[in-house]
Amino acid sequence: MQLVNASPDSFEEVNESYTMKEAIKEAKRCLHCKSPQCRTGCPINNEIPDWIHELALGNLGNAIQIINTRSNLPAVCGRVCAHERQCEGHCILGKKGQAMNIGKLERFVADFDAQMGLHHEGLVQKNRGRIAVIGSGPAGLTIAGDMARQGFQVEIFEMEPEPGGVLMFGIPEYRLPKDVVRHEVERIKALGAIFHCNTTVGIDLTIDDLFDQGFDAIFMGTGTGKPRKLDIPGCDLKGVEQAIYFLRLASLFNAQSIKREEVPVAAGQRVFVVGCGNTAMDASRTAIRMGAKSVEIIYHRTMAEMSALRAEYEDAVKEHVAFNWQTQLTAIQGEDGHVTSIELTTPSGTRREEADVVILAVGQRPASRIVKTAKGIEVDDRGYVITRDLPFGMTTRNGVFAGGDVVRHPATVVHAMQNAKAVAEGMIRYVDAIKLLEAIS
């Protein structure tokens, strides 16, 4: 059923949770394998069979405690992880087409904990060092949680008015409710982490300023906020929008922070989205919710080659998003400076389609404001921050670490978390070594 006329209801979460009875029944299907492939398939090596076993016994407090040993964002991961390619894709029961619904179980346990407050972590004395974290997306929150638990005083600097990064402003409400993100942030705060919002490093203060404030190490987890552009005629016309910008405005509108007319998709418009990753799916489904007359995705390859999850594609199809496979956008035409039509090229020829809005979801790259205002941090020819293996994650400037999407091509939430956990270990070793040298000098 197609959704029209944007309203709070149209952005409600689309996937329903388990009831208690359903969750325990599903958990009891787990074989509790001696060599669990689901754990192998999880980038952060979540102890999946152990917490599922506790859930099957009704011990939800034990279940969330086990999950928390590896994940700082269980309610998020339970919703937006690529389960079909990771834990569930490796489940041995999947050979019979009956893989455990691990993501939905994790979401259930995390949500139940949020409602009931089952697990409480005591504050660890913060006497091991001071850490500054730039950015509060998945990588930044993971660093903050891991290092706070290890006795570090952590302060997070976020440019947006609210923490969460891409979780808050890049993933639509119907896939990841913002109250879920807020709860995860509160869990990090409860560990003693301090958040500074509306603070842009590279503008309001610099890397040098942070060191001058007494921080022992700094983590850059700023993601890839600078969108790539297409080199085709008409890209400068009004009506050509970047997917991450559109999704951010839609999130702000849904939170009643901006007016409806500020979102660059109006009711009744014909929208084309270029790209076929999860961001393109999010942009397409959000355009439907904003009342677009029609939404079509343009992708130069085949369905088998798309980077989007199959589940996200299937949900988009259910909501009447159309797909143009093996099709390239070769030109955008307009009148009076606004998009009116597009030119599409396929193996069989070229055609023109009427259009009102073109949304580009063709990838992002890191912004450069931090690097430009700090000496000694080198980047590669694509703008990604260069890091070393010893200590893991440190940049070419001592004491400055980086992780997540800013050091690699954009990946999933859990892959950013995986990388950040490794960087946290590198930061701990670095600060401990510095403190030891200071003590004996």
Protein backbone atom coordinates (compact mmCIF):
# COMPACT_ATOMS: atom_id res chain seq x y z
CA MET A 1 0.00 0.00 0.00
CA GLN A 2 1.48 3.33 -1.03
CA LEU A 3 1.84 5.96 1.69
CA VAL A 4 0.91 9.56 0.90
CA ASN A 5 0.49 12.91 2.65
CA ALA A 6 3.36 12.94 5.13
CA SER A 7 2.31 12.74 8.77
CA PRO A 8 3.83 11.32 11.96
CA ASP A 9 1.82 8.14 11.43
CA SER A 10 3.40 7.52 8.02
CA PHE A 11 6.84 7.42 9.65
CA GLU A 12 5.91 4.86 12.31
CA GLU A 13 8.22 1.85 12.57
CA VAL A 14 7.24 -0.70 9.93
CA ASN A 15 8.61 -3.89 11.50
CA GLU A 16 6.76 -5.24 14.52
CA SER A 17 8.53 -6.68 17.55
CA TYR A 18 7.94 -10.07 19.16
CA THR A 19 5.66 -10.62 22.09
CA MET A 20 7.30 -12.32 25.08
CA LYS A 21 5.76 -15.66 24.15
CA GLU A 22 6.87 -15.35 20.52
CA ALA A 23 10.43 -14.36 21.49
CA ILE A 24 10.89 -17.29 23.87
CA LYS A 25 9.43 -19.70 21.32
CA GLU A 26 11.84 -18.44 18.65
CA ALA A 27 14.78 -18.56 21.07
CA LYS A 28 14.07 -22.22 21.85
CA ARG A 29 14.77 -23.12 18.21
CA CYS A 30 18.47 -22.29 18.69
CA LEU A 31 20.71 -25.38 18.56
CA HIS A 32 23.38 -23.71 20.75
CA CYS A 33 26.09 -24.98 18.42
CA LYS A 34 29.53 -25.81 19.83
CA SER A 35 31.11 -23.82 17.00
CA PRO A 36 28.45 -21.15 16.36
CA GLN A 37 28.64 -19.80 12.85
CA CYS A 38 26.27 -16.97 13.77
CA ARG A 39 28.95 -15.60 16.10
CA THR A 40 31.52 -15.91 13.33
CA GLY A 41 29.23 -13.99 11.01
CA CYS A 42 28.81 -11.12 13.49
CA PRO A 43 31.46 -8.41 12.94
CA ILE A 44 31.65 -7.68 16.70
CA ASN A 45 31.57 -11.38 17.69
CA ASN A 46 28.41 -11.10 19.74
CA GLU A 47 27.93 -14.14 21.99
CA ILE A 48 24.69 -14.95 20.21
CA PRO A 49 23.95 -18.53 21.35
CA ASP A 50 24.65 -17.63 24.99
CA TRP A 51 22.18 -14.74 25.20
CA ILE A 52 19.59 -16.59 23.13
CA HIS A 53 19.86 -19.49 25.59
CA GLU A 54 19.20 -17.12 28.50
CA LEU A 55 16.25 -15.65 26.63
CA ALA A 56 14.84 -19.13 26.03
CA LEU A 57 14.90 -19.66 29.82
CA GLY A 58 13.21 -16.31 30.40
CA ASN A 59 16.35 -14.78 31.92
CA LEU A 60 16.23 -11.47 30.07
CA GLY A 61 18.50 -9.70 32.54
CA ASN A 62 21.23 -12.23 31.87
CA ALA A 63 20.59 -11.98 28.13
CA ILE A 64 21.09 -8.19 27.96
CA GLN A 65 24.15 -8.44 30.22
CA ILE A 66 25.78 -10.85 27.75
CA ILE A 67 24.86 -8.65 24.79
CA ASN A 68 26.32 -5.59 26.51
CA THR A 69 29.74 -7.21 26.78
CA ARG A 70 30.16 -6.78 23.01
CA SER A 71 27.64 -4.19 21.86
CA ASN A 72 26.97 -0.61 22.94
CA LEU A 73 23.99 -0.31 20.57
CA PRO A 74 21.90 -3.51 20.76
CA ALA A 75 18.53 -1.86 20.04
CA VAL A 76 20.05 -0.22 16.96
CA CYS A 77 21.82 -3.34 15.72
CA GLY A 78 18.68 -5.40 16.22
CA ARG A 79 16.95 -3.13 13.72
CA VAL A 80 19.42 -2.00 11.07
CA CYS A 81 22.23 -4.59 10.93
CA ALA A 82 22.64 -6.61 7.75
CA HIS A 83 21.45 -9.77 9.49
CA GLU A 84 20.80 -11.64 6.27
CA ARG A 85 24.49 -11.29 5.33
CA GLN A 86 25.93 -11.65 8.82
CA CYS A 87 24.62 -13.60 11.84
CA GLU A 88 21.45 -14.96 10.27
CA GLY A 89 23.21 -15.63 6.98
CA HIS A 90 25.62 -17.93 8.82
CA CYS A 91 23.04 -19.72 10.99
CA ILE A 92 23.20 -23.47 10.37
CA LEU A 93 19.40 -23.64 10.38
CA GLY A 94 19.47 -21.44 7.31
CA LYS A 95 20.44 -24.46 5.23
CA LYS A 96 16.85 -25.59 5.65
CA GLY A 97 15.52 -22.09 5.06
CA GLN A 98 14.71 -21.63 8.76
CA ALA A 99 17.52 -19.41 10.07
CA MET A 100 17.08 -17.98 13.55
CA ASN A 101 15.59 -14.48 13.55
CA ILE A 102 18.55 -13.16 15.54
CA GLY A 103 18.07 -9.47 14.78
CA LYS A 104 14.47 -9.47 15.91
CA LEU A 105 15.42 -11.33 19.10
CA GLU A 106 18.19 -8.84 19.89
CA ARG A 107 15.75 -5.98 19.35
CA PHE A 108 13.25 -7.65 21.68
CA VAL A 109 15.79 -8.10 24.49
CA ALA A 110 17.14 -4.53 24.12
CA ASP A 111 13.66 -3.00 24.01
CA PHE A 112 12.53 -5.02 27.03
CA ASP A 113 15.59 -3.83 28.94
CA ALA A 114 14.81 -0.22 27.96
CA GLN A 115 11.26 -0.58 29.27
CA MET A 116 12.09 -2.47 32.46
CA GLY A 117 15.62 -1.29 33.28
CA LEU A 118 16.86 -4.83 33.86
CA HIS A 119 20.58 -4.16 33.65
CA HIS A 120 22.48 -1.44 35.47
CA GLU A 121 26.20 -0.89 35.08
CA GLY A 122 28.07 0.66 37.96
CA LEU A 123 30.26 3.69 37.26
CA VAL A 124 33.96 2.92 36.91
CA GLN A 125 36.35 5.41 38.50
CA LYS A 126 37.62 7.72 35.75
CA ASN A 127 41.32 7.96 36.60
CA ARG A 128 43.00 6.38 33.58
CA GLY A 129 43.02 9.34 31.20
CA ARG A 130 40.91 11.82 29.23
CA ILE A 131 39.57 11.02 25.76
CA ALA A 132 37.93 13.39 23.27
CA VAL A 133 35.58 11.84 20.71
CA ILE A 134 34.62 13.84 17.62
CA GLY A 135 31.28 12.66 16.26
CA SER A 136 28.54 10.66 17.99
CA GLY A 137 27.62 8.17 15.30
CA PRO A 138 28.08 4.39 15.69
CA ALA A 139 31.89 4.60 15.83
CA GLY A 140 31.97 7.49 18.29
CA LEU A 141 29.38 5.95 20.62
CA THR A 142 31.25 2.64 20.57
CA ILE A 143 34.55 4.31 21.49
CA ALA A 144 32.80 6.27 24.23
CA GLY A 145 31.13 3.21 25.74
CA ASP A 146 34.17 0.94 25.58
CA MET A 147 36.60 3.47 27.02
CA ALA A 148 34.26 4.73 29.74
CA ARG A 149 33.98 1.15 30.96
CA GLN A 150 37.78 0.96 31.07
CA GLY A 151 38.16 3.94 33.40
CA PHE A 152 38.61 6.81 30.95
CA GLN A 153 36.84 10.17 31.16
CA VAL A 154 35.21 10.56 27.76
CA GLU A 155 33.81 13.73 26.22
CA ILE A 156 31.99 13.66 22.87
CA PHE A 157 31.85 16.67 20.54
CA GLU A 158 28.89 16.63 18.13
CA MET A 159 28.08 19.28 15.51
CA GLU A 160 24.35 18.54 15.48
CA PRO A 161 21.94 19.73 18.21
CA GLU A 162 21.41 16.13 19.34
CA PRO A 163 23.76 13.10 19.54
CA GLY A 164 23.46 10.09 17.27
CA GLY A 165 25.02 11.11 13.97
CA VAL A 166 23.76 9.04 11.06
CA LEU A 167 21.57 7.03 13.46
CA MET A 168 19.62 10.17 14.31
CA PHE A 169 19.69 12.11 11.03
CA GLY A 170 20.49 9.58 8.29
CA ILE A 171 18.32 6.51 8.95
CA PRO A 172 14.56 7.13 8.65
CA GLU A 173 12.23 6.94 11.63
CA TYR A 174 10.27 4.01 10.20
CA ARG A 175 13.44 1.88 10.23
CA LEU A 176 15.05 3.26 13.38
CA PRO A 177 12.84 5.28 15.75
CA LYS A 178 14.72 8.24 17.21
CA ASP A 179 13.61 7.42 20.75
CA VAL A 180 15.55 4.17 20.37
CA VAL A 181 18.69 6.14 19.48
CA ARG A 182 18.10 8.52 22.37
CA HIS A 183 17.88 5.61 24.78
CA GLU A 184 21.16 4.17 23.51
CA VAL A 185 22.79 7.58 23.99
CA GLU A 186 21.44 7.73 27.54
CA ARG A 187 23.08 4.37 28.24
CA ILE A 188 26.43 5.86 27.18
CA LYS A 189 25.81 8.92 29.35
CA ALA A 190 25.06 6.62 32.30
CA LEU A 191 28.61 5.29 31.97
CA GLY A 192 29.90 8.80 32.69
CA ALA A 193 30.41 10.12 29.14
CA ILE A 194 29.85 13.86 28.61
CA PHE A 195 28.28 15.21 25.39
CA HIS A 196 28.91 18.65 23.86
CA CYS A 197 26.36 19.27 21.06
CA ASN A 198 26.27 22.16 18.57
CA THR A 199 30.07 22.02 18.60
CA THR A 200 31.93 21.61 15.31
CA VAL A 201 35.58 20.65 15.54
CA GLY A 202 37.38 22.48 12.78
CA ILE A 203 35.22 25.57 13.25
CA ASP A 204 34.39 26.12 16.94
CA LEU A 205 37.63 24.54 18.11
CA THR A 206 40.53 22.53 16.69
CA ILE A 207 42.50 19.40 17.44
CA ASP A 208 45.16 21.61 19.03
CA ASP A 209 42.53 23.23 21.25
CA LEU A 210 41.46 19.81 22.51
CA PHE A 211 45.03 18.84 23.38
CA ASP A 212 45.43 22.20 25.13
CA GLN A 213 42.37 21.31 27.24
CA GLY A 214 44.28 18.30 28.57
CA PHE A 215 42.94 15.39 26.55
CA ASP A 216 45.38 12.49 26.30
CA ALA A 217 44.04 11.19 22.98
CA ILE A 218 41.44 12.19 20.39
CA PHE A 219 39.21 10.00 18.25
CA MET A 220 37.85 11.16 14.89
CA GLY A 221 34.59 9.41 14.08
CA THR A 222 33.12 11.98 11.74
CA GLY A 223 31.91 9.63 9.01
CA THR A 224 31.49 10.61 5.38
CA GLY A 225 29.27 13.65 5.34
CA LYS A 226 30.35 15.13 2.02
CA PRO A 227 28.27 13.68 -0.86
CA ARG A 228 29.70 12.79 -4.23
CA LYS A 229 28.29 14.46 -7.34
CA LEU A 230 27.59 13.22 -10.86
CA ASP A 231 29.44 14.81 -13.75
CA ILE A 232 26.47 15.15 -16.11
CA PRO A 233 24.59 18.12 -17.58
CA GLY A 234 21.91 19.64 -15.35
CA CYS A 235 23.23 18.65 -11.93
CA ASP A 236 23.12 22.28 -10.80
CA LEU A 237 19.37 22.63 -11.45
CA LYS A 238 16.97 23.22 -8.58
CA GLY A 239 15.35 19.91 -7.75
CA VAL A 240 18.60 17.93 -7.80
CA GLU A 241 19.20 16.92 -4.18
CA GLN A 242 21.67 14.80 -2.24
CA ALA A 243 20.13 11.81 -0.47
CA ILE A 244 21.81 12.48 2.89
CA TYR A 245 20.58 16.09 2.81
CA PHE A 246 17.04 15.03 1.92
CA LEU A 247 16.98 12.36 4.65
CA ARG A 248 18.24 14.84 7.24
CA LEU A 249 15.53 17.37 6.37
CA ALA A 250 12.87 14.66 6.42
CA SER A 251 14.04 13.62 9.90
CA LEU A 252 13.94 17.22 11.10
CA PHE A 253 10.42 17.65 9.67
CA ASN A 254 9.28 14.44 11.32
CA ALA A 255 10.63 15.79 14.61
CA GLN A 256 8.65 19.00 13.94
CA SER A 257 11.89 21.02 13.87
CA ILE A 258 11.31 22.47 10.39
CA LYS A 259 8.32 23.27 8.19
CA ARG A 260 6.95 20.89 5.55
CA GLU A 261 7.93 23.18 2.66
CA GLU A 262 11.59 22.96 3.66
CA VAL A 263 11.71 19.29 2.66
CA PRO A 264 12.68 19.14 -1.04
CA VAL A 265 9.97 16.64 -2.08
CA ALA A 266 6.40 17.91 -2.39
CA ALA A 267 3.17 15.96 -2.64
CA GLY A 268 2.37 14.84 -6.17
CA GLN A 269 5.92 15.11 -7.53
CA ARG A 270 7.67 12.55 -9.69
CA VAL A 271 10.93 11.54 -8.03
CA PHE A 272 13.94 9.65 -9.38
CA VAL A 273 16.67 8.29 -7.10
CA VAL A 274 20.11 7.49 -8.50
CA GLY A 275 21.89 4.59 -6.80
CA CYS A 276 20.89 1.25 -5.30
CA GLY A 277 22.40 1.03 -1.82
CA ASN A 278 20.54 1.20 1.47
CA THR A 279 20.68 5.00 1.39
CA ALA A 280 18.90 4.98 -1.97
CA MET A 281 16.23 2.67 -0.53
CA ASP A 282 15.82 4.98 2.47
CA ALA A 283 15.52 8.04 0.23
CA SER A 284 12.99 6.33 -2.03
CA ARG A 285 10.76 5.11 0.77
CA THR A 286 10.98 8.47 2.51
CA ALA A 287 9.93 10.24 -0.70
CA ILE A 288 6.88 7.97 -0.81
CA ARG A 289 6.06 9.01 2.74
CA MET A 290 6.43 12.67 1.80
CA GLY A 291 3.63 12.20 -0.72
CA ALA A 292 5.51 11.76 -4.01
CA LYS A 293 3.29 10.75 -6.92
CA SER A 294 5.85 8.18 -8.05
CA VAL A 295 9.37 7.13 -7.09
CA GLU A 296 11.79 5.29 -9.38
CA ILE A 297 15.33 4.11 -8.72
CA ILE A 298 17.95 4.36 -11.48
CA TYR A 299 20.78 1.82 -11.27
CA HIS A 300 23.45 1.15 -13.88
CA ARG A 301 23.89 -2.49 -12.90
CA THR A 302 21.61 -5.50 -12.28
CA MET A 303 19.55 -6.43 -9.25
CA ALA A 304 22.10 -9.11 -8.33
CA GLU A 305 24.79 -6.42 -8.07
CA MET A 306 22.96 -3.92 -5.88
CA SER A 307 24.57 -3.17 -2.52
CA ALA A 308 21.25 -2.72 -0.72
CA LEU A 309 19.99 -5.51 1.49
CA ARG A 310 17.46 -7.78 -0.16
CA ALA A 311 15.00 -7.09 2.67
CA GLU A 312 15.27 -3.33 2.09
CA TYR A 313 14.68 -3.83 -1.65
CA GLU A 314 11.62 -6.00 -0.98
CA ASP A 315 10.18 -3.40 1.40
CA ALA A 316 10.69 -0.71 -1.24
CA VAL A 317 8.87 -2.82 -3.83
CA LYS A 318 5.95 -3.31 -1.41
CA GLU A 319 5.70 0.46 -1.13
CA HIS A 320 5.55 0.80 -4.94
CA VAL A 321 9.08 2.05 -5.62
CA ALA A 322 9.91 1.19 -9.25
CA PHE A 323 13.36 0.06 -10.44
CA ASN A 324 15.21 0.84 -13.67
CA TRP A 325 17.97 -1.77 -13.95
CA GLN A 326 21.01 -1.39 -16.24
CA THR A 327 20.06 2.24 -16.70
CA GLN A 328 22.23 5.33 -16.53
CA LEU A 329 21.21 8.91 -15.89
CA THR A 330 22.98 10.80 -18.69
CA ALA A 331 21.40 14.27 -18.51
CA ILE A 332 18.97 16.39 -16.52
CA GLN A 333 16.86 19.00 -18.32
CA GLY A 334 15.08 21.97 -16.83
CA GLU A 335 13.14 25.17 -17.38
CA ASP A 336 13.60 28.40 -15.41
CA GLY A 337 16.36 26.69 -13.45
CA HIS A 338 14.22 23.78 -12.21
CA VAL A 339 14.23 20.10 -13.18
CA THR A 340 11.55 19.14 -15.71
CA SER A 341 12.85 15.91 -17.24
CA ILE A 342 15.76 13.46 -17.33
CA GLU A 343 17.55 11.45 -20.01
CA LEU A 344 18.05 7.74 -19.35
CA THR A 345 20.30 5.42 -21.34
CA THR A 346 19.83 1.64 -21.40
CA PRO A 347 21.32 -1.15 -23.55
CA SER A 348 18.33 -0.74 -25.86
CA GLY A 349 18.60 3.02 -26.31
CA THR A 350 17.86 6.42 -24.79
CA ARG A 351 14.58 7.81 -23.49
CA ARG A 352 13.33 10.90 -21.72
CA GLU A 353 11.13 10.91 -18.61
CA GLU A 354 9.30 13.79 -16.95
CA ALA A 355 10.73 14.50 -13.50
CA ASP A 356 10.38 16.99 -10.66
CA VAL A 357 13.09 15.85 -8.26
CA VAL A 358 16.32 13.89 -8.74
CA ILE A 359 17.92 12.51 -5.57
CA LEU A 360 21.55 11.43 -5.75
CA ALA A 361 22.57 8.47 -3.58
CA VAL A 362 25.91 7.70 -5.21
CA GLY A 363 28.15 7.74 -2.14
CA GLN A 364 29.91 10.14 0.18
CA ARG A 365 33.42 11.04 1.22
CA PRO A 366 34.87 12.60 4.37
CA ALA A 367 34.70 16.34 4.98
CA SER A 368 38.08 18.05 5.35
CA ARG A 369 37.52 20.78 7.95
CA ILE A 370 39.25 18.90 10.81
CA VAL A 371 42.26 17.89 8.74
CA LYS A 372 42.64 21.39 7.30
CA THR A 373 42.73 22.96 10.76
CA ALA A 374 45.19 20.46 12.27
CA LYS A 375 48.79 19.74 11.39
CA GLY A 376 50.15 16.28 10.77
CA ILE A 377 46.98 14.34 9.86
CA GLU A 378 47.42 12.86 6.39
CA VAL A 379 44.68 11.62 4.07
CA ASP A 380 44.73 9.54 0.89
CA ASP A 381 43.82 10.85 -2.56
CA ARG A 382 40.10 10.28 -1.83
CA GLY A 383 40.15 12.17 1.45
CA TYR A 384 40.08 9.17 3.80
CA VAL A 385 42.22 9.52 6.92
CA ILE A 386 45.35 7.37 6.91
CA THR A 387 45.85 5.25 10.04
CA ARG A 388 48.49 2.81 11.25
CA ASP A 389 48.31 -0.67 12.70
CA LEU A 390 50.46 0.03 15.80
CA PRO A 391 48.85 1.39 17.83
CA PHE A 392 45.84 0.41 15.83
CA GLY A 393 43.85 3.32 14.46
CA MET A 394 46.34 6.11 15.17
CA THR A 395 46.72 8.67 12.41
CA THR A 396 50.00 10.17 11.22
CA ARG A 397 49.73 12.57 14.18
CA ASN A 398 50.53 11.07 17.56
CA GLY A 399 47.57 10.87 19.89
CA VAL A 400 44.96 11.39 17.17
CA PHE A 401 43.03 8.27 16.21
CA ALA A 402 40.34 7.71 13.60
CA GLY A 403 37.84 4.99 12.81
CA GLY A 404 34.58 4.11 11.10
CA ASP A 405 33.67 5.49 7.71
CA VAL A 406 36.21 8.35 7.84
CA VAL A 407 39.03 5.83 7.28
CA ARG A 408 37.31 3.55 4.80
CA HIS A 409 34.48 3.33 2.32
CA PRO A 410 31.07 3.80 3.96
CA ALA A 411 29.94 0.56 5.58
CA THR A 412 27.20 -0.70 7.86
CA VAL A 413 26.59 0.41 11.43
CA VAL A 414 28.05 -2.77 12.88
CA HIS A 415 31.18 -2.58 10.72
CA ALA A 416 31.80 0.94 12.03
CA MET A 417 31.38 -0.50 15.53
CA GLN A 418 33.75 -3.37 14.75
CA ASN A 419 36.46 -0.97 13.61
CA ALA A 420 35.89 1.35 16.57
CA LYS A 421 36.27 -1.47 19.09
CA ALA A 422 39.69 -2.28 17.64
CA VAL A 423 40.65 1.41 17.70
CA ALA A 424 39.56 1.65 21.36
CA GLU A 425 42.08 -1.06 22.22
CA GLY A 426 44.79 0.86 20.37
CA MET A 427 43.90 4.08 22.22
CA ILE A 428 43.99 2.33 25.59
CA ARG A 429 47.47 0.94 24.91
CA TYR A 430 48.69 4.32 23.70
CA VAL A 431 47.42 6.31 26.68
CA ASP A 432 48.59 3.68 29.17
CA ALA A 433 52.07 3.79 27.61
CA ILE A 434 52.18 7.60 27.72
CA LYS A 435 51.09 7.62 31.35
CA LEU A 436 53.73 5.03 32.23
CA LEU A 437 56.49 7.04 30.54
CA GLU A 438 55.36 10.15 32.37
CA ALA A 439 55.41 8.28 35.68
CA ILE A 440 58.98 7.00 35.30
CA SER A 441 60.51 10.08 33.67
